[in-house]
Amino acid sequence: MTPELAACVLEGLLLLHEELSVEPQTPWYVGTPDQTQVLHDELWILAGELTPRSSQALVEAWYRAGRSSLLPVACTGALVSDRHVAA
């Protein structure tokens, strides 16, 4: 992986952590080290498959994939949309 892709993954991890940890509708994600590692690993795998052009594109791809082991059901990205609309 290139340094640019590594930076994209790290920034995507920070974006997702912020979105998932402050959303009151997601008590299943509280940002523990184990959960953060799972999220990091999932983003690395996804970035390797897609080579995203930005961290936001990577985050959107993570939601579209809906295959995270942190999610109790498939995720559509509605949590992010709901949060931004409410703000």
N, C-alpha and C. Protein backbone atom coordinates (compact mmCIF):
# COMPACT_ATOMS: atom_id res chain seq x y z
N MET A 1 0.83 -1.18 0.00
CA MET A 1 0.00 0.00 0.00
C MET A 1 0.88 1.25 0.00
N THR A 2 0.40 2.23 -0.67
CA THR A 2 1.14 3.49 -0.76
C THR A 2 0.89 4.34 0.48
N PRO A 3 1.76 5.29 0.76
CA PRO A 3 1.53 6.20 1.89
C PRO A 3 0.21 6.97 1.76
N GLU A 4 -0.16 7.30 0.52
CA GLU A 4 -1.42 8.01 0.30
C GLU A 4 -2.62 7.15 0.67
N LEU A 5 -2.55 5.87 0.32
CA LEU A 5 -3.65 4.96 0.65
C LEU A 5 -3.70 4.72 2.16
N ALA A 6 -2.55 4.61 2.79
CA ALA A 6 -2.50 4.46 4.25
C ALA A 6 -3.11 5.68 4.93
N ALA A 7 -2.81 6.87 4.43
CA ALA A 7 -3.39 8.10 4.99
C ALA A 7 -4.89 8.13 4.78
N CYS A 8 -5.34 7.65 3.63
CA CYS A 8 -6.77 7.59 3.34
C CYS A 8 -7.49 6.68 4.32
N VAL A 9 -6.90 5.52 4.61
CA VAL A 9 -7.49 4.57 5.55
C VAL A 9 -7.53 5.17 6.95
N LEU A 10 -6.46 5.81 7.37
CA LEU A 10 -6.42 6.40 8.70
C LEU A 10 -7.46 7.51 8.84
N GLU A 11 -7.56 8.37 7.84
CA GLU A 11 -8.55 9.44 7.89
C GLU A 11 -9.97 8.87 7.85
N GLY A 12 -10.17 7.82 7.06
CA GLY A 12 -11.48 7.16 7.03
C GLY A 12 -11.83 6.55 8.37
N LEU A 13 -10.84 5.97 9.04
CA LEU A 13 -11.06 5.41 10.37
C LEU A 13 -11.49 6.51 11.34
N LEU A 14 -10.83 7.64 11.29
CA LEU A 14 -11.18 8.75 12.17
C LEU A 14 -12.59 9.27 11.87
N LEU A 15 -12.94 9.37 10.59
CA LEU A 15 -14.28 9.82 10.22
C LEU A 15 -15.34 8.85 10.73
N LEU A 16 -15.13 7.57 10.50
CA LEU A 16 -16.12 6.58 10.96
C LEU A 16 -16.21 6.54 12.47
N HIS A 17 -15.07 6.62 13.14
CA HIS A 17 -15.09 6.60 14.60
C HIS A 17 -15.92 7.77 15.12
N GLU A 18 -15.71 8.94 14.55
CA GLU A 18 -16.48 10.12 14.98
C GLU A 18 -17.97 9.92 14.72
N GLU A 19 -18.31 9.45 13.54
CA GLU A 19 -19.71 9.27 13.19
C GLU A 19 -20.39 8.21 14.04
N LEU A 20 -19.72 7.08 14.23
CA LEU A 20 -20.35 5.97 14.93
C LEU A 20 -20.38 6.16 16.44
N SER A 21 -19.39 6.84 16.99
CA SER A 21 -19.33 6.94 18.45
C SER A 21 -20.23 8.02 19.01
N VAL A 22 -20.62 9.00 18.21
CA VAL A 22 -21.49 10.07 18.74
C VAL A 22 -22.95 9.87 18.36
N GLU A 23 -23.23 8.94 17.49
CA GLU A 23 -24.60 8.70 17.07
C GLU A 23 -25.34 7.94 18.17
N PRO A 24 -26.37 8.56 18.78
CA PRO A 24 -27.06 7.89 19.90
C PRO A 24 -27.80 6.62 19.49
N GLN A 25 -28.04 6.44 18.20
CA GLN A 25 -28.74 5.24 17.74
C GLN A 25 -27.81 4.05 17.55
N THR A 26 -26.54 4.20 17.87
CA THR A 26 -25.59 3.11 17.67
C THR A 26 -24.88 2.72 18.96
N PRO A 27 -25.59 2.22 19.94
CA PRO A 27 -24.95 1.84 21.21
C PRO A 27 -24.02 0.65 21.06
N TRP A 28 -24.08 -0.06 19.93
CA TRP A 28 -23.23 -1.22 19.70
C TRP A 28 -21.82 -0.82 19.33
N TYR A 29 -21.58 0.45 19.03
CA TYR A 29 -20.21 0.90 18.74
C TYR A 29 -19.85 2.01 19.70
N VAL A 30 -18.87 1.75 20.56
CA VAL A 30 -18.47 2.77 21.54
C VAL A 30 -16.99 3.12 21.41
N GLY A 31 -16.32 2.60 20.39
CA GLY A 31 -14.93 2.97 20.14
C GLY A 31 -13.91 2.30 21.03
N THR A 32 -14.20 1.09 21.49
CA THR A 32 -13.21 0.37 22.28
C THR A 32 -12.05 -0.03 21.38
N PRO A 33 -10.87 -0.30 21.95
CA PRO A 33 -9.73 -0.68 21.11
C PRO A 33 -10.01 -1.86 20.19
N ASP A 34 -10.72 -2.88 20.67
CA ASP A 34 -11.02 -4.04 19.83
C ASP A 34 -11.90 -3.65 18.65
N GLN A 35 -12.92 -2.83 18.91
CA GLN A 35 -13.82 -2.39 17.84
C GLN A 35 -13.07 -1.51 16.84
N THR A 36 -12.21 -0.65 17.33
CA THR A 36 -11.43 0.22 16.46
C THR A 36 -10.51 -0.61 15.57
N GLN A 37 -9.92 -1.66 16.10
CA GLN A 37 -9.04 -2.53 15.31
C GLN A 37 -9.83 -3.24 14.22
N VAL A 38 -11.02 -3.72 14.55
CA VAL A 38 -11.87 -4.38 13.55
C VAL A 38 -12.19 -3.40 12.43
N LEU A 39 -12.58 -2.20 12.79
CA LEU A 39 -12.91 -1.18 11.80
C LEU A 39 -11.70 -0.85 10.92
N HIS A 40 -10.55 -0.71 11.54
CA HIS A 40 -9.31 -0.44 10.80
C HIS A 40 -9.01 -1.55 9.80
N ASP A 41 -9.12 -2.79 10.25
CA ASP A 41 -8.86 -3.94 9.37
C ASP A 41 -9.84 -3.97 8.20
N GLU A 42 -11.12 -3.70 8.48
CA GLU A 42 -12.12 -3.70 7.42
C GLU A 42 -11.83 -2.60 6.39
N LEU A 43 -11.42 -1.44 6.86
CA LEU A 43 -11.10 -0.34 5.94
C LEU A 43 -9.88 -0.68 5.09
N TRP A 44 -8.87 -1.32 5.69
CA TRP A 44 -7.67 -1.73 4.93
C TRP A 44 -8.05 -2.68 3.80
N ILE A 45 -8.87 -3.66 4.13
CA ILE A 45 -9.28 -4.65 3.13
C ILE A 45 -10.06 -3.97 2.01
N LEU A 46 -11.01 -3.12 2.39
CA LEU A 46 -11.82 -2.42 1.41
C LEU A 46 -10.98 -1.49 0.54
N ALA A 47 -10.04 -0.79 1.15
CA ALA A 47 -9.16 0.11 0.40
C ALA A 47 -8.31 -0.67 -0.60
N GLY A 48 -7.86 -1.85 -0.20
CA GLY A 48 -7.08 -2.68 -1.10
C GLY A 48 -7.89 -3.16 -2.29
N GLU A 49 -9.17 -3.39 -2.07
CA GLU A 49 -10.04 -3.85 -3.15
C GLU A 49 -10.44 -2.72 -4.09
N LEU A 50 -10.64 -1.52 -3.53
CA LEU A 50 -11.23 -0.42 -4.32
C LEU A 50 -10.27 0.69 -4.72
N THR A 51 -9.19 0.86 -3.99
CA THR A 51 -8.28 2.00 -4.17
C THR A 51 -9.09 3.29 -4.28
N PRO A 52 -9.71 3.71 -3.18
CA PRO A 52 -10.59 4.89 -3.21
C PRO A 52 -9.82 6.18 -3.48
N ARG A 53 -10.50 7.17 -4.01
CA ARG A 53 -9.87 8.44 -4.33
C ARG A 53 -9.83 9.39 -3.14
N SER A 54 -10.61 9.09 -2.08
CA SER A 54 -10.61 9.94 -0.89
C SER A 54 -11.08 9.12 0.31
N SER A 55 -10.83 9.65 1.51
CA SER A 55 -11.29 8.96 2.71
C SER A 55 -12.80 8.95 2.78
N GLN A 56 -13.45 10.01 2.31
CA GLN A 56 -14.91 10.04 2.31
C GLN A 56 -15.47 8.96 1.37
N ALA A 57 -14.83 8.76 0.23
CA ALA A 57 -15.25 7.70 -0.68
C ALA A 57 -15.08 6.32 -0.03
N LEU A 58 -14.02 6.16 0.75
CA LEU A 58 -13.80 4.90 1.46
C LEU A 58 -14.89 4.67 2.50
N VAL A 59 -15.23 5.72 3.24
CA VAL A 59 -16.29 5.62 4.25
C VAL A 59 -17.62 5.27 3.58
N GLU A 60 -17.93 5.92 2.48
CA GLU A 60 -19.18 5.63 1.77
C GLU A 60 -19.19 4.19 1.26
N ALA A 61 -18.05 3.71 0.79
CA ALA A 61 -17.95 2.32 0.33
C ALA A 61 -18.15 1.35 1.48
N TRP A 62 -17.64 1.71 2.67
CA TRP A 62 -17.81 0.85 3.85
C TRP A 62 -19.29 0.72 4.18
N TYR A 63 -20.01 1.84 4.15
CA TYR A 63 -21.46 1.78 4.42
C TYR A 63 -22.18 0.98 3.34
N ARG A 64 -21.84 1.20 2.08
CA ARG A 64 -22.50 0.48 0.98
C ARG A 64 -22.25 -1.01 1.07
N ALA A 65 -21.04 -1.39 1.50
CA ALA A 65 -20.70 -2.81 1.59
C ALA A 65 -21.59 -3.52 2.61
N GLY A 66 -21.91 -2.84 3.71
CA GLY A 66 -22.82 -3.39 4.70
C GLY A 66 -22.38 -4.72 5.28
N ARG A 67 -21.08 -4.95 5.31
CA ARG A 67 -20.61 -6.28 5.74
C ARG A 67 -19.75 -6.22 6.99
N SER A 68 -19.80 -5.14 7.72
CA SER A 68 -18.96 -5.01 8.89
C SER A 68 -19.39 -5.96 9.99
N SER A 69 -18.42 -6.54 10.65
CA SER A 69 -18.75 -7.42 11.79
C SER A 69 -19.19 -6.60 13.00
N LEU A 70 -19.07 -5.27 12.92
CA LEU A 70 -19.54 -4.41 14.01
C LEU A 70 -21.02 -4.09 13.89
N LEU A 71 -21.60 -4.35 12.73
CA LEU A 71 -22.99 -3.98 12.50
C LEU A 71 -23.91 -5.16 12.75
N PRO A 72 -24.98 -4.94 13.51
CA PRO A 72 -25.92 -6.04 13.77
C PRO A 72 -26.74 -6.40 12.54
N VAL A 73 -26.94 -5.45 11.63
CA VAL A 73 -27.66 -5.67 10.38
C VAL A 73 -26.93 -4.90 9.29
N ALA A 74 -27.30 -5.13 8.06
CA ALA A 74 -26.68 -4.40 6.96
C ALA A 74 -26.90 -2.90 7.15
N CYS A 75 -25.87 -2.13 6.93
CA CYS A 75 -25.94 -0.69 7.14
C CYS A 75 -26.03 0.02 5.80
N THR A 76 -26.92 0.98 5.70
CA THR A 76 -27.13 1.69 4.44
C THR A 76 -26.52 3.08 4.44
N GLY A 77 -25.96 3.51 5.55
CA GLY A 77 -25.44 4.87 5.64
C GLY A 77 -26.47 5.84 6.19
N ALA A 78 -27.65 5.35 6.52
CA ALA A 78 -28.70 6.22 7.04
C ALA A 78 -28.30 6.86 8.35
N LEU A 79 -27.47 6.19 9.13
CA LEU A 79 -27.05 6.76 10.41
C LEU A 79 -26.31 8.07 10.19
N VAL A 80 -25.45 8.11 9.20
CA VAL A 80 -24.70 9.33 8.91
C VAL A 80 -25.67 10.40 8.39
N SER A 81 -26.55 10.03 7.47
CA SER A 81 -27.49 10.98 6.90
C SER A 81 -28.38 11.56 8.00
N ASP A 82 -28.91 10.72 8.85
CA ASP A 82 -29.77 11.18 9.93
C ASP A 82 -29.03 12.17 10.83
N ARG A 83 -27.79 11.86 11.14
CA ARG A 83 -27.02 12.72 12.02
C ARG A 83 -26.77 14.09 11.40
N HIS A 84 -26.42 14.10 10.11
CA HIS A 84 -26.13 15.37 9.47
C HIS A 84 -27.39 16.20 9.24
N VAL A 85 -28.51 15.54 8.97
CA VAL A 85 -29.77 16.27 8.80
C VAL A 85 -30.19 16.93 10.11
N ALA A 86 -29.99 16.21 11.23
CA ALA A 86 -30.38 16.72 12.55
C ALA A 86 -29.51 17.87 12.99
N ALA A 87 -28.29 17.95 12.51
CA ALA A 87 -27.35 18.95 12.97
C ALA A 87 -27.59 20.32 12.42
